[in-house]
Amino acid sequence: MGSFGVACFVDLPDVVTDGGGNDGGGDGAFDALPDIVIPPPSCEAGACGAPQGFQPVLFAADRNTPCPNGTTSFDMVANPGDAGAGACTCDCNVTAQPTCVPQTLVHNLDTNAPNNPLCTTAGGTWLLVDGGCNNSGPHPLTSHWSVPPGSVVDAGKCTGTAAANPSAVPSTPSRMCMDATCTTACAPAVGFSECFQATGDVPCPSGLTKRSVGTAIAVTCGSCSACAVSADGGCQGTLSLYSDTACATLLEAPIGVDGGCVTNAAANQTINSYQYSASLVGLTCTPGTSSATSVSLNQPQTICCP
């Protein structure tokens, strides 16, 4: 009778996560799976009634029962199904943040109506800001100011990379027991079926039920669809007001660009320059989607059972 040898044996996890893709168009594929050798059929023809090209093995559709003495245990994944919705996911990486400048900021002042309601009248001069020191000529500072949030000028950019998640593919953990002399696997064992194994995906002889098994599931993912960057809260930040034309002499503490009505300690003084320090509010990166282009088994084996 023939025999086989294996350098080492390890218990394998149900799945191995691997794969990738990106907005650039590259598809993800597995490339690093367990380093384990499943020996090809090595028994003499017909050993224990094995069909040609097959050898006897003990097989269980779970991993709860240890293999009998004299056999080597191989933990496998059996009969993978269709890839589920989560078999491929995309991340989202911001490569260029949305921008808040250049734009025009509005400021609201006190009305001249009876009872002098605060911050209810649009200022006559709008503020053109670009992130640097800006000026629009002398401008009086009234008792109260309110500067509403600005809008996003540029939406920004992002990329996404696909990652495979083989655990989302339905399958059955299984265990296969083999022995070098092809004799122990011929004997009945509690919790196991007496079956026949062949390397690769091959048909089973008539009358036998086929199971496709492998050391792990491999998922290949397609490219991610377009991602999106947004700042739902718009552009806030602070506006600093200066008495000189070079943003050197600050009139008072910076005013929040958030719509709040503030009292100006330096009221009635003249603004000659100003500077907007912007901040994004509600920055989010929404990933695209990716689908599995293929689901396969690493080191596919065929198990045929009565």
Protein backbone atom coordinates (compact mmCIF):
# COMPACT_ATOMS: atom_id res chain seq x y z
CA MET A 1 0.00 0.00 0.00
CA GLY A 2 1.07 3.55 -0.58
CA SER A 3 1.73 5.96 2.26
CA PHE A 4 1.95 9.69 2.79
CA GLY A 5 3.78 12.09 5.04
CA VAL A 6 2.91 15.55 6.34
CA ALA A 7 5.49 17.87 7.84
CA CYS A 8 3.08 19.42 10.38
CA PHE A 9 -0.60 19.56 11.17
CA VAL A 10 -2.50 22.49 12.56
CA ASP A 11 -6.08 23.18 13.53
CA LEU A 12 -7.44 25.79 11.18
CA PRO A 13 -10.01 28.54 11.77
CA ASP A 14 -13.31 28.35 9.96
CA VAL A 15 -12.35 31.20 7.66
CA VAL A 16 -9.48 33.39 6.59
CA THR A 17 -10.09 37.03 5.79
CA ASP A 18 -8.13 38.30 2.86
CA GLY A 19 -8.61 40.39 -0.26
CA GLY A 20 -8.74 43.96 -1.40
CA GLY A 21 -9.73 46.46 -4.05
CA ASN A 22 -9.88 50.20 -4.51
CA ASP A 23 -11.48 53.01 -6.40
CA GLY A 24 -8.73 52.75 -8.95
CA GLY A 25 -10.28 49.61 -10.40
CA GLY A 26 -8.17 46.78 -9.03
CA ASP A 27 -10.02 43.70 -7.85
CA GLY A 28 -9.18 42.10 -4.53
CA ALA A 29 -8.19 38.47 -4.27
CA PHE A 30 -6.87 36.15 -1.61
CA ASP A 31 -3.13 35.65 -1.48
CA ALA A 32 -2.24 34.33 1.98
CA LEU A 33 -3.96 31.21 3.24
CA PRO A 34 -2.97 28.49 5.70
CA ASP A 35 0.28 26.68 5.00
CA ILE A 36 -0.95 23.11 5.24
CA VAL A 37 -0.65 20.14 2.90
CA ILE A 38 -3.59 17.84 2.24
CA PRO A 39 -2.01 14.66 0.83
CA PRO A 40 -3.41 13.27 -2.43
CA PRO A 41 -4.98 9.80 -2.48
CA SER A 42 -2.18 7.34 -1.77
CA CYS A 43 -3.80 3.99 -0.98
CA GLU A 44 -3.66 0.99 -3.23
CA ALA A 45 -6.50 0.89 -5.69
CA GLY A 46 -9.69 -0.24 -4.06
CA ALA A 47 -8.42 0.00 -0.47
CA CYS A 48 -11.40 -0.40 1.83
CA GLY A 49 -13.64 -0.27 -1.24
CA ALA A 50 -12.39 3.18 -2.31
CA PRO A 51 -13.28 4.13 -5.89
CA GLN A 52 -10.42 4.78 -8.30
CA GLY A 53 -8.64 8.04 -7.45
CA PHE A 54 -10.06 8.12 -3.90
CA GLN A 55 -8.81 7.03 -0.50
CA PRO A 56 -10.78 6.16 2.63
CA VAL A 57 -11.25 8.87 5.27
CA LEU A 58 -13.42 9.49 8.29
CA PHE A 59 -15.56 12.61 7.96
CA ALA A 60 -17.71 14.63 10.39
CA ALA A 61 -19.79 17.73 9.66
CA ASP A 62 -18.50 19.36 12.85
CA ARG A 63 -15.25 19.70 14.81
CA ASN A 64 -16.39 18.45 18.18
CA THR A 65 -15.11 14.88 18.00
CA PRO A 66 -11.39 14.06 18.04
CA CYS A 67 -10.03 11.82 15.32
CA PRO A 68 -9.26 8.21 16.33
CA ASN A 69 -5.73 7.25 17.31
CA GLY A 70 -3.56 6.53 14.32
CA THR A 71 -5.18 9.18 12.14
CA THR A 72 -4.32 12.80 11.43
CA SER A 73 -6.97 15.47 11.91
CA PHE A 74 -7.69 18.06 9.23
CA ASP A 75 -10.17 20.82 10.06
CA MET A 76 -11.98 21.86 6.92
CA VAL A 77 -14.71 24.14 5.60
CA ALA A 78 -17.50 22.35 3.73
CA ASN A 79 -19.99 23.41 1.06
CA PRO A 80 -19.64 27.23 0.96
CA GLY A 81 -22.80 28.99 -0.14
CA ASP A 82 -23.35 32.24 -1.99
CA ALA A 83 -21.55 35.31 -0.71
CA GLY A 84 -23.69 37.34 1.65
CA ALA A 85 -24.08 41.11 1.67
CA GLY A 86 -21.18 41.48 4.11
CA ALA A 87 -18.69 39.30 2.25
CA CYS A 88 -17.04 42.45 0.85
CA THR A 89 -16.90 45.77 2.67
CA CYS A 90 -15.30 49.10 1.83
CA ASP A 91 -13.54 51.56 4.08
CA CYS A 92 -13.48 55.31 3.47
CA ASN A 93 -10.35 57.43 3.63
CA VAL A 94 -10.49 61.22 3.26
CA THR A 95 -7.74 62.33 0.87
CA ALA A 96 -8.83 65.98 0.64
CA GLN A 97 -11.06 67.58 3.26
CA PRO A 98 -13.97 69.81 2.26
CA THR A 99 -12.97 73.45 2.21
CA CYS A 100 -14.61 76.54 3.70
CA VAL A 101 -12.82 79.31 1.79
CA PRO A 102 -12.99 81.43 -0.18
CA GLN A 103 -16.53 82.59 0.53
CA THR A 104 -18.57 85.50 1.81
CA LEU A 105 -19.68 85.53 5.44
CA VAL A 106 -22.83 87.34 6.50
CA HIS A 107 -23.02 89.19 9.80
CA ASN A 108 -26.19 90.34 11.53
CA LEU A 109 -26.49 93.55 13.60
CA ASP A 110 -28.99 95.13 15.95
CA THR A 111 -32.10 96.61 14.39
CA ASN A 112 -33.09 100.23 14.74
CA ALA A 113 -36.71 99.28 15.42
CA PRO A 114 -38.42 99.94 18.79
CA ASN A 115 -36.97 97.90 21.70
CA ASN A 116 -33.82 97.43 19.59
CA PRO A 117 -33.98 93.60 19.01
CA LEU A 118 -30.48 92.16 18.90
CA CYS A 119 -28.73 90.64 15.87
CA THR A 120 -31.78 90.72 13.60
CA THR A 121 -30.64 92.93 10.73
CA ALA A 122 -28.20 91.89 8.02
CA GLY A 123 -25.06 93.99 8.00
CA GLY A 124 -24.58 96.20 4.99
CA THR A 125 -21.05 94.97 4.31
CA TRP A 126 -20.38 91.28 3.71
CA LEU A 127 -17.04 89.81 4.62
CA LEU A 128 -15.00 88.21 1.84
CA VAL A 129 -12.73 85.62 3.49
CA ASP A 130 -10.03 83.34 2.12
CA GLY A 131 -8.33 82.12 5.32
CA GLY A 132 -5.74 84.88 5.28
CA CYS A 133 -5.84 88.50 6.39
CA ASN A 134 -8.66 90.29 4.58
CA ASN A 135 -9.98 93.85 4.65
CA SER A 136 -12.80 95.77 3.05
CA GLY A 137 -11.99 99.27 4.20
CA PRO A 138 -13.07 100.88 7.47
CA HIS A 139 -16.11 99.20 8.96
CA PRO A 140 -17.74 100.19 12.28
CA LEU A 141 -18.15 97.53 14.97
CA THR A 142 -21.67 97.69 16.38
CA SER A 143 -22.81 96.60 19.83
CA HIS A 144 -23.77 93.07 18.82
CA TRP A 145 -22.78 90.73 16.02
CA SER A 146 -24.02 87.36 14.86
CA VAL A 147 -22.12 85.45 12.19
CA PRO A 148 -24.02 82.42 10.84
CA PRO A 149 -22.07 79.30 9.83
CA GLY A 150 -20.62 79.38 6.35
CA SER A 151 -21.18 76.80 3.67
CA VAL A 152 -18.83 74.14 2.33
CA VAL A 153 -17.12 75.42 -0.82
CA ASP A 154 -15.57 72.16 -2.04
CA ALA A 155 -16.89 68.72 -1.12
CA GLY A 156 -13.47 67.12 -0.71
CA LYS A 157 -12.25 63.75 -1.96
CA CYS A 158 -11.95 60.20 -0.64
CA THR A 159 -10.90 56.69 -1.62
CA GLY A 160 -12.13 53.28 -0.56
CA THR A 161 -10.51 49.86 -0.38
CA ALA A 162 -12.44 46.61 -0.42
CA ALA A 163 -11.82 43.96 2.23
CA ALA A 164 -13.01 40.38 2.06
CA ASN A 165 -14.96 38.89 4.95
CA PRO A 166 -15.26 35.14 4.29
CA SER A 167 -17.17 34.68 7.57
CA ALA A 168 -20.20 36.16 5.77
CA VAL A 169 -20.22 33.17 3.42
CA PRO A 170 -22.38 30.33 4.82
CA SER A 171 -20.48 27.10 5.26
CA THR A 172 -20.19 24.05 7.50
CA PRO A 173 -17.12 23.48 9.70
CA SER A 174 -16.00 19.90 9.26
CA ARG A 175 -13.27 17.48 10.23
CA MET A 176 -11.47 14.84 8.17
CA CYS A 177 -9.37 12.01 9.61
CA MET A 178 -6.73 10.28 7.44
CA ASP A 179 -4.07 7.67 8.16
CA ALA A 180 -0.89 6.66 6.38
CA THR A 181 -1.81 3.02 5.96
CA CYS A 182 -5.43 3.59 4.89
CA THR A 183 -6.60 1.04 7.42
CA THR A 184 -7.68 2.98 10.51
CA ALA A 185 -9.92 5.21 8.40
CA CYS A 186 -11.71 2.12 7.16
CA ALA A 187 -12.98 1.25 10.63
CA PRO A 188 -16.19 2.79 12.00
CA ALA A 189 -15.67 5.58 14.54
CA VAL A 190 -18.28 7.24 16.73
CA GLY A 191 -19.29 10.62 15.35
CA PHE A 192 -17.74 10.02 11.91
CA SER A 193 -18.90 8.71 8.56
CA GLU A 194 -16.77 6.35 6.51
CA CYS A 195 -16.17 8.28 3.30
CA PHE A 196 -13.75 8.66 0.40
CA GLN A 197 -11.55 11.63 -0.42
CA ALA A 198 -9.98 12.91 -3.65
CA THR A 199 -7.93 15.99 -4.39
CA GLY A 200 -9.70 18.77 -6.26
CA ASP A 201 -13.33 19.16 -7.29
CA VAL A 202 -14.27 15.90 -8.97
CA PRO A 203 -17.53 13.98 -9.43
CA CYS A 204 -18.52 11.34 -6.91
CA PRO A 205 -19.30 7.81 -8.04
CA SER A 206 -22.97 7.02 -8.39
CA GLY A 207 -24.76 6.45 -5.10
CA LEU A 208 -22.42 8.62 -3.02
CA THR A 209 -23.18 12.10 -1.66
CA LYS A 210 -20.67 14.79 -2.51
CA ARG A 211 -19.26 17.44 -0.16
CA SER A 212 -16.85 20.10 -1.37
CA VAL A 213 -14.31 20.96 1.33
CA GLY A 214 -11.16 23.02 1.67
CA THR A 215 -8.82 24.48 4.25
CA ALA A 216 -10.47 27.93 4.09
CA ILE A 217 -12.91 30.06 2.14
CA ALA A 218 -11.41 32.67 -0.18
CA VAL A 219 -13.45 35.65 -1.35
CA THR A 220 -12.44 37.89 -4.25
CA CYS A 221 -13.92 41.39 -4.08
CA GLY A 222 -14.63 43.85 -6.85
CA SER A 223 -13.71 47.52 -6.76
CA CYS A 224 -15.51 49.83 -4.37
CA SER A 225 -18.12 52.17 -5.78
CA ALA A 226 -17.62 55.90 -5.23
CA CYS A 227 -17.36 57.12 -1.65
CA ALA A 228 -18.54 60.54 -0.46
CA VAL A 229 -17.23 63.18 1.96
CA SER A 230 -19.60 65.63 3.63
CA ALA A 231 -19.73 68.16 6.45
CA ASP A 232 -23.39 68.31 7.40
CA GLY A 233 -22.86 71.09 9.93
CA GLY A 234 -21.15 73.35 7.40
CA CYS A 235 -18.28 75.66 8.24
CA GLN A 236 -18.01 77.26 11.67
CA GLY A 237 -14.84 78.49 13.38
CA THR A 238 -13.95 82.02 14.54
CA LEU A 239 -13.68 85.47 13.05
CA SER A 240 -10.97 87.80 14.41
CA LEU A 241 -11.46 91.56 14.00
CA TYR A 242 -8.53 94.00 13.88
CA SER A 243 -8.18 97.77 14.08
CA ASP A 244 -5.24 97.89 11.66
CA THR A 245 -5.11 96.74 8.03
CA ALA A 246 -2.63 93.86 8.57
CA CYS A 247 -4.43 91.72 11.17
CA ALA A 248 -1.98 92.74 13.88
CA THR A 249 -4.02 94.63 16.48
CA LEU A 250 -6.94 92.57 17.71
CA LEU A 251 -9.99 94.55 18.74
CA GLU A 252 -11.37 91.85 21.06
CA ALA A 253 -11.74 88.11 21.48
CA PRO A 254 -12.56 86.27 18.23
CA ILE A 255 -16.27 85.99 17.40
CA GLY A 256 -17.72 82.50 16.91
CA VAL A 257 -18.98 81.79 13.41
CA ASP A 258 -21.88 79.77 14.75
CA GLY A 259 -24.92 82.05 14.64
CA GLY A 260 -24.67 83.11 18.26
CA CYS A 261 -25.38 86.76 19.10
CA VAL A 262 -22.40 88.22 20.96
CA THR A 263 -21.83 91.53 22.73
CA ASN A 264 -18.89 93.47 21.36
CA ALA A 265 -16.72 95.02 24.07
CA ALA A 266 -15.04 97.16 21.40
CA ALA A 267 -18.33 98.52 20.02
CA ASN A 268 -18.13 101.72 17.97
CA GLN A 269 -14.50 101.10 17.10
CA THR A 270 -13.45 100.61 13.47
CA ILE A 271 -12.61 97.30 11.83
CA ASN A 272 -9.91 97.61 9.18
CA SER A 273 -9.04 93.92 8.71
CA TYR A 274 -10.29 90.48 9.74
CA GLN A 275 -9.33 86.83 9.50
CA TYR A 276 -11.52 83.72 9.37
CA SER A 277 -10.29 80.51 11.01
CA ALA A 278 -12.63 77.81 9.68
CA SER A 279 -13.57 74.46 11.15
CA LEU A 280 -15.73 71.73 9.59
CA VAL A 281 -18.72 70.44 11.54
CA GLY A 282 -20.11 66.94 11.10
CA LEU A 283 -17.36 65.68 8.81
CA THR A 284 -18.25 62.21 7.56
CA CYS A 285 -16.84 59.82 4.99
CA THR A 286 -19.45 57.49 3.53
CA PRO A 287 -17.94 54.35 2.00
CA GLY A 288 -19.01 52.85 -1.28
CA THR A 289 -19.95 49.20 -1.77
CA SER A 290 -18.26 46.15 -3.21
CA SER A 291 -19.55 42.73 -4.22
CA ALA A 292 -17.84 39.38 -4.27
CA THR A 293 -16.74 38.39 -7.76
CA SER A 294 -15.92 34.83 -6.67
CA VAL A 295 -16.05 32.46 -3.72
CA SER A 296 -13.70 29.51 -3.69
CA LEU A 297 -12.06 26.96 -1.43
CA ASN A 298 -8.37 26.84 -0.73
CA GLN A 299 -6.95 23.38 -1.47
CA PRO A 300 -10.33 22.04 -2.64
CA GLN A 301 -11.08 18.43 -1.82
CA THR A 302 -13.99 16.18 -2.70
CA ILE A 303 -15.55 14.00 0.01
CA CYS A 304 -17.95 11.26 -1.13
CA CYS A 305 -20.05 9.53 1.51
CA PRO A 306 -22.60 6.72 1.34
